[in-house]
Protein backbone atom coordinates (compact mmCIF):
# COMPACT_ATOMS: atom_id res chain seq x y z
CA MET A 1 -47.64 -53.93 -175.56
CA ASP A 2 -47.50 -51.15 -178.45
CA LYS A 3 -45.85 -52.17 -181.90
CA SER A 4 -42.82 -49.14 -180.88
CA THR A 5 -41.68 -50.96 -177.83
CA ASN A 6 -42.46 -54.00 -179.77
CA LYS A 7 -39.94 -52.44 -182.03
CA GLN A 8 -37.03 -51.10 -179.41
CA GLN A 9 -36.83 -54.43 -177.70
CA ASP A 10 -36.37 -56.19 -181.08
CA LYS A 11 -34.03 -54.38 -182.08
CA HIS A 12 -32.62 -54.28 -178.24
CA VAL A 13 -32.50 -58.04 -178.60
CA GLY A 14 -30.84 -58.15 -181.60
CA LEU A 15 -28.13 -55.74 -180.31
CA TYR A 16 -27.10 -58.20 -177.79
CA ASP A 17 -27.02 -61.15 -179.96
CA SER A 18 -24.60 -58.96 -181.77
CA PHE A 19 -22.65 -58.52 -178.54
CA VAL A 20 -22.20 -62.10 -177.89
CA ALA A 21 -20.97 -63.08 -181.62
CA LYS A 22 -18.46 -60.22 -180.64
CA ALA A 23 -17.48 -61.40 -177.53
CA HIS A 24 -17.12 -65.43 -178.74
CA GLU A 25 -14.87 -63.81 -182.00
CA VAL A 26 -12.74 -61.73 -179.33
CA PHE A 27 -12.15 -65.21 -177.27
CA VAL A 28 -12.18 -67.57 -180.10
CA ASP A 29 -9.33 -64.91 -181.62
CA GLY A 30 -7.45 -65.16 -177.93
CA ARG A 31 -4.28 -67.48 -176.98
CA ASP A 32 -5.83 -68.44 -174.12
CA LYS A 33 -9.15 -69.75 -173.16
CA THR A 34 -9.01 -69.34 -169.33
CA ARG A 35 -12.80 -67.67 -167.57
CA GLU A 36 -10.37 -64.88 -167.58
CA ALA A 37 -9.52 -64.81 -171.03
CA MET A 38 -13.89 -64.99 -171.59
CA GLN A 39 -13.88 -62.40 -169.62
CA SER A 40 -11.66 -59.88 -171.25
CA ALA A 41 -12.76 -60.90 -174.26
CA ILE A 42 -16.51 -60.03 -172.97
CA GLU A 43 -15.16 -56.76 -171.51
CA LYS A 44 -13.87 -55.98 -175.22
CA ALA A 45 -16.47 -56.42 -177.02
CA ARG A 46 -18.54 -53.94 -174.35
CA GLU A 47 -15.69 -51.52 -175.32
CA GLN A 48 -15.46 -51.79 -178.78
CA MET A 49 -19.08 -51.54 -179.40
CA THR A 50 -19.22 -49.10 -177.65
CA THR A 51 -17.19 -46.47 -178.96
CA LEU A 52 -17.75 -47.29 -182.40
CA GLY A 53 -21.51 -46.39 -180.99
CA GLU A 54 -23.36 -49.01 -181.67
CA LEU A 55 -24.55 -49.31 -178.02
CA SER A 56 -24.60 -46.55 -175.46
CA SER A 57 -22.58 -47.01 -171.92
CA GLU A 58 -25.28 -48.36 -169.86
CA GLN A 59 -26.32 -50.74 -172.40
CA GLY A 60 -23.12 -52.29 -172.78
CA LYS A 61 -22.53 -53.00 -169.01
CA GLN A 62 -26.03 -54.81 -169.03
CA PHE A 63 -25.17 -56.73 -172.16
CA GLN A 64 -22.30 -57.85 -169.81
CA ARG A 65 -24.06 -58.22 -167.14
CA TYR A 66 -25.98 -60.66 -169.15
CA MET A 67 -23.78 -62.38 -170.65
CA GLN A 68 -22.53 -63.19 -167.25
CA ARG A 69 -24.96 -64.35 -165.50
CA ASP A 70 -25.51 -66.65 -168.76
CA LEU A 71 -22.37 -68.23 -169.15
CA GLU A 72 -22.61 -68.82 -166.17
CA GLN A 73 -25.62 -70.63 -165.95
CA ILE A 74 -23.89 -72.67 -168.31
CA ALA A 75 -21.08 -73.61 -166.41
CA ARG A 76 -24.16 -74.75 -163.33
CA TYR A 77 -25.69 -77.29 -166.16
CA PHE A 78 -22.10 -79.00 -166.63
CA ARG A 79 -21.46 -78.88 -163.38
CA ASP A 80 -24.48 -80.66 -162.48
CA VAL A 81 -23.67 -83.12 -166.25
CA GLY A 82 -20.35 -83.79 -164.35
CA GLU A 83 -22.04 -84.71 -160.56
CA GLU A 84 -24.77 -86.81 -162.38
CA ALA A 85 -22.15 -88.45 -164.76
CA LYS A 86 -19.64 -88.64 -161.14
CA ASP A 87 -22.80 -90.46 -160.24
CA GLN A 88 -23.47 -93.05 -163.38
CA LEU A 89 -20.16 -94.17 -163.62
CA GLN A 90 -19.57 -97.58 -161.75
CA PRO A 91 -15.23 -97.62 -161.34
CA ALA A 92 -16.12 -101.46 -161.03
CA ARG A 93 -17.13 -101.57 -164.84
CA MET A 94 -14.05 -99.88 -165.94
CA SER A 95 -10.18 -101.42 -166.39
CA ALA A 96 -7.54 -99.68 -163.95
CA GLY A 97 -5.81 -98.19 -166.96
CA ALA A 98 -9.40 -96.69 -169.08
CA LEU A 99 -10.45 -95.22 -164.76
CA ALA A 100 -6.39 -94.01 -163.87
CA THR A 101 -7.41 -91.71 -167.18
CA MET A 102 -10.60 -90.58 -166.59
CA SER A 103 -9.98 -89.75 -163.81
CA VAL A 104 -7.00 -87.68 -164.14
CA LEU A 105 -8.94 -85.94 -166.52
CA LEU A 106 -12.11 -84.95 -164.40
CA HIS A 107 -9.33 -83.95 -162.03
CA LYS A 108 -8.49 -81.16 -164.57
CA CYS A 109 -11.45 -80.63 -165.41
CA SER A 110 -12.96 -79.81 -161.46
CA ASP A 111 -10.98 -77.34 -160.66
CA ALA A 112 -12.04 -75.21 -162.89
CA LEU A 113 -15.81 -76.37 -162.86
CA LEU A 114 -16.21 -75.62 -159.64
CA GLN A 115 -14.66 -72.30 -159.66
CA LEU A 116 -17.52 -72.01 -162.63
CA SER A 117 -20.35 -73.51 -160.75
CA ILE A 118 -19.54 -71.55 -157.69
CA LYS A 119 -20.36 -68.40 -159.32
CA ALA A 120 -23.27 -69.94 -161.62
CA GLU A 121 -25.29 -70.59 -158.17
CA ALA A 122 -25.97 -66.73 -157.45
CA ALA A 123 -26.63 -66.69 -161.06
CA ILE A 124 -29.68 -68.80 -162.01
CA THR A 125 -32.38 -66.08 -160.69
CA TYR A 126 -34.11 -63.73 -163.86
CA ARG A 127 -36.23 -60.92 -163.88
CA ALA A 128 -39.03 -59.30 -165.57
CA GLY A 129 -37.54 -57.56 -168.24
CA GLU A 130 -33.84 -58.35 -168.71
CA LEU A 131 -32.80 -60.59 -171.15
CA THR A 132 -33.15 -64.13 -171.69
CA SER A 133 -31.11 -66.76 -174.01
CA ALA A 134 -32.56 -70.08 -175.26
CA GLY A 135 -34.06 -72.27 -172.32
CA THR A 136 -36.76 -72.47 -169.28
CA LEU A 137 -37.57 -69.84 -167.31
CA THR A 138 -40.06 -71.36 -163.96
CA CYS A 139 -41.11 -68.51 -162.20
CA THR A 140 -40.61 -68.76 -157.98
CA GLN A 141 -43.81 -68.25 -157.30
CA CYS A 142 -46.08 -70.27 -158.85
CA ALA A 143 -43.91 -72.99 -160.49
CA LEU A 144 -44.96 -72.18 -163.95
CA THR A 145 -42.89 -73.56 -166.96
CA ARG A 146 -42.02 -70.52 -170.03
CA GLU A 147 -39.61 -71.98 -173.35
CA PHE A 148 -37.81 -69.44 -175.06
CA SER A 149 -36.61 -71.05 -178.20
CA THR A 150 -34.76 -67.37 -179.10
CA THR A 151 -33.10 -64.68 -177.08
CA SER A 152 -36.07 -62.84 -175.64
CA TYR A 153 -37.48 -59.74 -172.87
CA ILE A 154 -38.40 -61.68 -169.84
CA GLN A 155 -42.34 -60.94 -169.34
CA ARG A 156 -43.66 -60.91 -165.37
CA CYS A 157 -45.21 -64.84 -165.05
CA PRO A 158 -48.96 -64.75 -166.35
CA SER A 159 -50.05 -66.95 -164.24
CA CYS A 160 -49.46 -65.30 -161.22
CA HIS A 161 -47.62 -62.09 -162.75
CA ASN A 162 -44.72 -62.78 -160.45
CA ASP A 163 -41.32 -61.10 -162.30
CA THR A 164 -38.37 -63.30 -160.26
CA PHE A 165 -37.55 -66.64 -162.68
CA MET A 166 -35.16 -69.22 -161.84
CA LYS A 167 -33.25 -70.63 -165.12
CA SER A 168 -32.95 -74.15 -165.95
CA HIS A 169 -31.51 -74.88 -169.84
């Protein structure tokens, strides 16, 4: 890869990080903290950054897809953690009051997490040429894992040259 491509990709990565920060800012400033409010915040961040000329329309749409994909991956992770917690908590060890409280809390969270997890199931596939946030990508062909500590562009698998990966934390 030549230096101009690297500079362009670094700029793109920086723009994506700015996009994520803007969406976060809009979401935090908003009153609602629902999934719909997050989707709205992402859309507003895209609109603001494209209106200001910081992003092209296509970049804004692409970043919006990337952020939605990343959030769905996070939701999947939390669903898995919730399932693990359910397996690890042994109701016989808890007092009736604590168990009742835990049950109410888990039920309230489960509906929201279920909705997020349904979409997350379809959103863990990543392809070469896309941006990814920090995490681990596993090649779907040879199972090579690649660790990303920052937002980065995904390159083809160095082992088998496959371009499709599955993301985990």
